[in-house]
Amino acid sequence: MPVIDGISKPAGVRCIQLDEQDRCKIFGRPERPAVCSSLQPSEIMCGESREQAMRWLGWMEDQTAP
C-alpha cells in the first residue's frame, strides 16, 4: 500500500477524517495532508450527482493503484 504524505489508506476505504455528511473535518487546517488539498474538483470529477462523483473517485483509485 503506498504512503503519500504519511497517509497509508487502501483504495475504497473511507477516510477517518470524514464526518457523517462526508465533509472533511480538517479542511483548511494545517494538518490536512497536501495530497488532499492538491485534489482540485472539476466538472468531470463531480458530475451531476454525488453518485457520479463517488464513481469517478473509485475509478481514479483503481487507475492509480500500485
PDB file of N, CA and C in Angstrom:
ATOM      1  N   MET A   1       0.854  -1.165   0.000  1.00  0.00           N
ATOM      2  CA  MET A   1       0.000   0.000   0.000  1.00  0.00           C
ATOM      3  C   MET A   1       0.906   1.236   0.000  1.00  0.00           C
ATOM      4  N   PRO A   2       0.695   2.161  -0.939  1.00  0.00           N
ATOM      5  CA  PRO A   2       1.562   3.340  -0.991  1.00  0.00           C
ATOM      6  C   PRO A   2       1.307   4.283   0.179  1.00  0.00           C
ATOM      7  N   VAL A   3       2.350   5.006   0.548  1.00  0.00           N
ATOM      8  CA  VAL A   3       2.238   6.022   1.588  1.00  0.00           C
ATOM      9  C   VAL A   3       2.463   7.372   0.928  1.00  0.00           C
ATOM     10  N   ILE A   4       1.484   8.269   1.049  1.00  0.00           N
ATOM     11  CA  ILE A   4       1.562   9.609   0.472  1.00  0.00           C
ATOM     12  C   ILE A   4       1.363  10.599   1.603  1.00  0.00           C
ATOM     13  N   ASP A   5       2.352  11.486   1.776  1.00  0.00           N
ATOM     14  CA  ASP A   5       2.281  12.480   2.860  1.00  0.00           C
ATOM     15  C   ASP A   5       1.990  11.833   4.214  1.00  0.00           C
ATOM     16  N   GLY A   6       2.551  10.667   4.448  1.00  0.00           N
ATOM     17  CA  GLY A   6       2.347   9.998   5.726  1.00  0.00           C
ATOM     18  C   GLY A   6       1.020   9.277   5.850  1.00  0.00           C
ATOM     19  N   ILE A   7       0.247   9.268   4.763  1.00  0.00           N
ATOM     20  CA  ILE A   7      -1.060   8.611   4.786  1.00  0.00           C
ATOM     21  C   ILE A   7      -0.953   7.283   4.064  1.00  0.00           C
ATOM     22  N   SER A   8      -1.441   6.257   4.680  1.00  0.00           N
ATOM     23  CA  SER A   8      -1.485   4.941   4.060  1.00  0.00           C
ATOM     24  C   SER A   8      -2.896   4.406   4.259  1.00  0.00           C
ATOM     25  N   LYS A   9      -3.688   4.455   3.197  1.00  0.00           N
ATOM     26  CA  LYS A   9      -5.083   4.038   3.260  1.00  0.00           C
ATOM     27  C   LYS A   9      -5.385   3.260   1.989  1.00  0.00           C
ATOM     28  N   PRO A  10      -5.892   2.061   2.103  1.00  0.00           N
ATOM     29  CA  PRO A  10      -6.225   1.314   0.896  1.00  0.00           C
ATOM     30  C   PRO A  10      -7.326   2.002   0.100  1.00  0.00           C
ATOM     31  N   ALA A  11      -7.276   1.855  -1.201  1.00  0.00           N
ATOM     32  CA  ALA A  11      -8.331   2.389  -2.069  1.00  0.00           C
ATOM     33  C   ALA A  11      -9.670   1.823  -1.621  1.00  0.00           C
ATOM     34  N   GLY A  12     -10.672   2.674  -1.623  1.00  0.00           N
ATOM     35  CA  GLY A  12     -12.017   2.237  -1.266  1.00  0.00           C
ATOM     36  C   GLY A  12     -12.325   2.294   0.221  1.00  0.00           C
ATOM     37  N   VAL A  13     -11.310   2.564   1.046  1.00  0.00           N
ATOM     38  CA  VAL A  13     -11.541   2.661   2.493  1.00  0.00           C
ATOM     39  C   VAL A  13     -11.859   4.111   2.830  1.00  0.00           C
ATOM     40  N   ARG A  14     -12.887   4.302   3.586  1.00  0.00           N
ATOM     41  CA  ARG A  14     -13.333   5.641   3.971  1.00  0.00           C
ATOM     42  C   ARG A  14     -12.267   6.341   4.808  1.00  0.00           C
ATOM     43  N   CYS A  15     -12.031   7.605   4.503  1.00  0.00           N
ATOM     44  CA  CYS A  15     -11.072   8.409   5.256  1.00  0.00           C
ATOM     45  C   CYS A  15     -11.604   8.636   6.664  1.00  0.00           C
ATOM     46  N   ILE A  16     -10.746   8.506   7.654  1.00  0.00           N
ATOM     47  CA  ILE A  16     -11.177   8.682   9.044  1.00  0.00           C
ATOM     48  C   ILE A  16     -11.479  10.144   9.362  1.00  0.00           C
ATOM     49  N   GLN A  17     -11.101  11.059   8.476  1.00  0.00           N
ATOM     50  CA  GLN A  17     -11.348  12.480   8.714  1.00  0.00           C
ATOM     51  C   GLN A  17     -12.695  12.955   8.165  1.00  0.00           C
ATOM     52  N   LEU A  18     -13.492  12.076   7.596  1.00  0.00           N
ATOM     53  CA  LEU A  18     -14.803  12.474   7.079  1.00  0.00           C
ATOM     54  C   LEU A  18     -15.854  12.416   8.180  1.00  0.00           C
ATOM     55  N   ASP A  19     -16.735  13.426   8.192  1.00  0.00           N
ATOM     56  CA  ASP A  19     -17.824  13.416   9.159  1.00  0.00           C
ATOM     57  C   ASP A  19     -19.022  12.665   8.583  1.00  0.00           C
ATOM     58  N   GLU A  20     -20.152  12.713   9.267  1.00  0.00           N
ATOM     59  CA  GLU A  20     -21.339  11.957   8.845  1.00  0.00           C
ATOM     60  C   GLU A  20     -21.898  12.450   7.503  1.00  0.00           C
ATOM     61  N   GLN A  21     -21.590  13.689   7.133  1.00  0.00           N
ATOM     62  CA  GLN A  21     -22.060  14.243   5.859  1.00  0.00           C
ATOM     63  C   GLN A  21     -20.977  14.162   4.776  1.00  0.00           C
ATOM     64  N   ASP A  22     -19.949  13.357   5.020  1.00  0.00           N
ATOM     65  CA  ASP A  22     -18.817  13.176   4.092  1.00  0.00           C
ATOM     66  C   ASP A  22     -18.020  14.454   3.872  1.00  0.00           C
ATOM     67  N   ARG A  23     -17.978  15.310   4.868  1.00  0.00           N
ATOM     68  CA  ARG A  23     -17.169  16.523   4.790  1.00  0.00           C
ATOM     69  C   ARG A  23     -15.896  16.321   5.610  1.00  0.00           C
ATOM     70  N   CYS A  24     -14.813  16.889   5.108  1.00  0.00           N
ATOM     71  CA  CYS A  24     -13.518  16.762   5.772  1.00  0.00           C
ATOM     72  C   CYS A  24     -13.513  17.548   7.082  1.00  0.00           C
ATOM     73  N   LYS A  25     -13.181  16.858   8.173  1.00  0.00           N
ATOM     74  CA  LYS A  25     -13.156  17.506   9.489  1.00  0.00           C
ATOM     75  C   LYS A  25     -11.933  18.398   9.672  1.00  0.00           C
ATOM     76  N   ILE A  26     -10.914  18.253   8.811  1.00  0.00           N
ATOM     77  CA  ILE A  26      -9.710  19.069   8.955  1.00  0.00           C
ATOM     78  C   ILE A  26      -9.496  19.972   7.729  1.00  0.00           C
ATOM     79  N   PHE A  27     -10.555  20.201   6.953  1.00  0.00           N
ATOM     80  CA  PHE A  27     -10.465  21.067   5.779  1.00  0.00           C
ATOM     81  C   PHE A  27      -9.991  22.461   6.201  1.00  0.00           C
ATOM     82  N   GLY A  28      -8.989  22.982   5.479  1.00  0.00           N
ATOM     83  CA  GLY A  28      -8.472  24.313   5.758  1.00  0.00           C
ATOM     84  C   GLY A  28      -7.521  24.402   6.935  1.00  0.00           C
ATOM     85  N   ARG A  29      -7.255  23.286   7.580  1.00  0.00           N
ATOM     86  CA  ARG A  29      -6.350  23.284   8.733  1.00  0.00           C
ATOM     87  C   ARG A  29      -4.967  22.841   8.284  1.00  0.00           C
ATOM     88  N   PRO A  30      -3.929  23.298   8.980  1.00  0.00           N
ATOM     89  CA  PRO A  30      -2.564  22.976   8.568  1.00  0.00           C
ATOM     90  C   PRO A  30      -2.244  21.487   8.588  1.00  0.00           C
ATOM     91  N   GLU A  31      -2.927  20.719   9.407  1.00  0.00           N
ATOM     92  CA  GLU A  31      -2.638  19.277   9.466  1.00  0.00           C
ATOM     93  C   GLU A  31      -3.267  18.489   8.314  1.00  0.00           C
ATOM     94  N   ARG A  32      -4.079  19.145   7.498  1.00  0.00           N
ATOM     95  CA  ARG A  32      -4.661  18.454   6.343  1.00  0.00           C
ATOM     96  C   ARG A  32      -3.535  18.103   5.370  1.00  0.00           C
ATOM     97  N   PRO A  33      -3.436  16.836   4.971  1.00  0.00           N
ATOM     98  CA  PRO A  33      -2.340  16.416   4.094  1.00  0.00           C
ATOM     99  C   PRO A  33      -2.352  17.151   2.749  1.00  0.00           C
ATOM    100  N   ALA A  34      -1.166  17.418   2.251  1.00  0.00           N
ATOM    101  CA  ALA A  34      -1.028  18.111   0.964  1.00  0.00           C
ATOM    102  C   ALA A  34      -1.705  17.330  -0.162  1.00  0.00           C
ATOM    103  N   VAL A  35      -1.662  16.002  -0.082  1.00  0.00           N
ATOM    104  CA  VAL A  35      -2.283  15.198  -1.143  1.00  0.00           C
ATOM    105  C   VAL A  35      -3.786  15.460  -1.205  1.00  0.00           C
ATOM    106  N   CYS A  36      -4.390  15.745  -0.080  1.00  0.00           N
ATOM    107  CA  CYS A  36      -5.827  16.033  -0.062  1.00  0.00           C
ATOM    108  C   CYS A  36      -6.107  17.415  -0.648  1.00  0.00           C
ATOM    109  N   SER A  37      -5.325  18.416  -0.211  1.00  0.00           N
ATOM    110  CA  SER A  37      -5.578  19.759  -0.718  1.00  0.00           C
ATOM    111  C   SER A  37      -5.188  19.918  -2.176  1.00  0.00           C
ATOM    112  N   SER A  38      -4.347  19.034  -2.695  1.00  0.00           N
ATOM    113  CA  SER A  38      -3.954  19.146  -4.100  1.00  0.00           C
ATOM    114  C   SER A  38      -5.031  18.617  -5.046  1.00  0.00           C
ATOM    115  N   LEU A  39      -5.989  17.870  -4.528  1.00  0.00           N
ATOM    116  CA  LEU A  39      -7.068  17.342  -5.357  1.00  0.00           C
ATOM    117  C   LEU A  39      -8.086  18.455  -5.611  1.00  0.00           C
ATOM    118  N   GLN A  40      -8.059  19.010  -6.794  1.00  0.00           N
ATOM    119  CA  GLN A  40      -8.937  20.112  -7.143  1.00  0.00           C
ATOM    120  C   GLN A  40     -10.164  19.584  -7.891  1.00  0.00           C
ATOM    121  N   PRO A  41     -11.354  19.865  -7.387  1.00  0.00           N
ATOM    122  CA  PRO A  41     -12.561  19.380  -8.061  1.00  0.00           C
ATOM    123  C   PRO A  41     -12.727  20.021  -9.436  1.00  0.00           C
ATOM    124  N   SER A  42     -13.311  19.260 -10.312  1.00  0.00           N
ATOM    125  CA  SER A  42     -13.600  19.760 -11.653  1.00  0.00           C
ATOM    126  C   SER A  42     -14.969  19.227 -12.063  1.00  0.00           C
ATOM    127  N   GLU A  43     -15.492  19.767 -13.139  1.00  0.00           N
ATOM    128  CA  GLU A  43     -16.813  19.337 -13.606  1.00  0.00           C
ATOM    129  C   GLU A  43     -16.827  17.844 -13.916  1.00  0.00           C
ATOM    130  N   ILE A  44     -15.760  17.349 -14.543  1.00  0.00           N
ATOM    131  CA  ILE A  44     -15.717  15.917 -14.886  1.00  0.00           C
ATOM    132  C   ILE A  44     -15.655  15.059 -13.622  1.00  0.00           C
ATOM    133  N   MET A  45     -14.984  15.551 -12.589  1.00  0.00           N
ATOM    134  CA  MET A  45     -14.866  14.797 -11.344  1.00  0.00           C
ATOM    135  C   MET A  45     -16.193  14.768 -10.594  1.00  0.00           C
ATOM    136  N   CYS A  46     -16.847  15.888 -10.515  1.00  0.00           N
ATOM    137  CA  CYS A  46     -18.064  15.994  -9.699  1.00  0.00           C
ATOM    138  C   CYS A  46     -19.307  15.443 -10.389  1.00  0.00           C
ATOM    139  N   GLY A  47     -19.347  15.522 -11.722  1.00  0.00           N
ATOM    140  CA  GLY A  47     -20.527  15.050 -12.433  1.00  0.00           C
ATOM    141  C   GLY A  47     -21.752  15.862 -12.049  1.00  0.00           C
ATOM    142  N   GLU A  48     -22.884  15.213 -12.091  1.00  0.00           N
ATOM    143  CA  GLU A  48     -24.138  15.903 -11.776  1.00  0.00           C
ATOM    144  C   GLU A  48     -24.788  15.398 -10.498  1.00  0.00           C
ATOM    145  N   SER A  49     -24.084  14.486  -9.803  1.00  0.00           N
ATOM    146  CA  SER A  49     -24.647  13.949  -8.563  1.00  0.00           C
ATOM    147  C   SER A  49     -23.523  13.398  -7.688  1.00  0.00           C
ATOM    148  N   ARG A  50     -23.850  13.158  -6.442  1.00  0.00           N
ATOM    149  CA  ARG A  50     -22.886  12.548  -5.529  1.00  0.00           C
ATOM    150  C   ARG A  50     -22.495  11.165  -6.032  1.00  0.00           C
ATOM    151  N   GLU A  51     -23.470  10.436  -6.553  1.00  0.00           N
ATOM    152  CA  GLU A  51     -23.200   9.087  -7.071  1.00  0.00           C
ATOM    153  C   GLU A  51     -22.160   9.126  -8.194  1.00  0.00           C
ATOM    154  N   GLN A  52     -22.300  10.079  -9.117  1.00  0.00           N
ATOM    155  CA  GLN A  52     -21.325  10.201 -10.203  1.00  0.00           C
ATOM    156  C   GLN A  52     -19.947  10.570  -9.662  1.00  0.00           C
ATOM    157  N   ALA A  53     -19.901  11.471  -8.696  1.00  0.00           N
ATOM    158  CA  ALA A  53     -18.624  11.876  -8.106  1.00  0.00           C
ATOM    159  C   ALA A  53     -17.950  10.693  -7.420  1.00  0.00           C
ATOM    160  N   MET A  54     -18.706   9.909  -6.679  1.00  0.00           N
ATOM    161  CA  MET A  54     -18.141   8.758  -5.990  1.00  0.00           C
ATOM    162  C   MET A  54     -17.669   7.701  -6.985  1.00  0.00           C
ATOM    163  N   ARG A  55     -18.390   7.523  -8.070  1.00  0.00           N
ATOM    164  CA  ARG A  55     -17.977   6.588  -9.115  1.00  0.00           C
ATOM    165  C   ARG A  55     -16.650   7.034  -9.723  1.00  0.00           C
ATOM    166  N   TRP A  56     -16.512   8.346  -9.980  1.00  0.00           N
ATOM    167  CA  TRP A  56     -15.279   8.880 -10.563  1.00  0.00           C
ATOM    168  C   TRP A  56     -14.106   8.676  -9.599  1.00  0.00           C
ATOM    169  N   LEU A  57     -14.327   8.958  -8.311  1.00  0.00           N
ATOM    170  CA  LEU A  57     -13.259   8.758  -7.332  1.00  0.00           C
ATOM    171  C   LEU A  57     -12.841   7.289  -7.259  1.00  0.00           C
ATOM    172  N   GLY A  58     -13.794   6.391  -7.322  1.00  0.00           N
ATOM    173  CA  GLY A  58     -13.481   4.959  -7.339  1.00  0.00           C
ATOM    174  C   GLY A  58     -12.656   4.586  -8.553  1.00  0.00           C
ATOM    175  N   TRP A  59     -13.012   5.141  -9.711  1.00  0.00           N
ATOM    176  CA  TRP A  59     -12.251   4.888 -10.932  1.00  0.00           C
ATOM    177  C   TRP A  59     -10.824   5.400 -10.786  1.00  0.00           C
ATOM    178  N   MET A  60     -10.677   6.629 -10.227  1.00  0.00           N
ATOM    179  CA  MET A  60      -9.337   7.187 -10.029  1.00  0.00           C
ATOM    180  C   MET A  60      -8.508   6.327  -9.092  1.00  0.00           C
ATOM    181  N   GLU A  61      -9.115   5.823  -8.045  1.00  0.00           N
ATOM    182  CA  GLU A  61      -8.379   4.951  -7.126  1.00  0.00           C
ATOM    183  C   GLU A  61      -7.902   3.704  -7.846  1.00  0.00           C
ATOM    184  N   ASP A  62      -8.775   3.109  -8.671  1.00  0.00           N
ATOM    185  CA  ASP A  62      -8.380   1.930  -9.451  1.00  0.00           C
ATOM    186  C   ASP A  62      -7.229   2.246 -10.400  1.00  0.00           C
ATOM    187  N   GLN A  63      -7.299   3.378 -11.059  1.00  0.00           N
ATOM    188  CA  GLN A  63      -6.291   3.766 -12.050  1.00  0.00           C
ATOM    189  C   GLN A  63      -4.933   4.080 -11.432  1.00  0.00           C
ATOM    190  N   THR A  64      -4.929   4.516 -10.181  1.00  0.00           N
ATOM    191  CA  THR A  64      -3.668   4.902  -9.538  1.00  0.00           C
ATOM    192  C   THR A  64      -3.165   3.870  -8.535  1.00  0.00           C
ATOM    193  N   ALA A  65      -3.857   2.753  -8.434  1.00  0.00           N
ATOM    194  CA  ALA A  65      -3.415   1.698  -7.508  1.00  0.00           C
ATOM    195  C   ALA A  65      -2.098   1.096  -7.996  1.00  0.00           C
ATOM    196  N   PRO A  66      -1.244   0.703  -7.054  1.00  0.00           N
ATOM    197  CA  PRO A  66       0.052   0.109  -7.451  1.00  0.00           C
ATOM    198  C   PRO A  66      -0.126  -1.225  -8.142  1.00  0.00           C
TER     199      PRO A  66
END
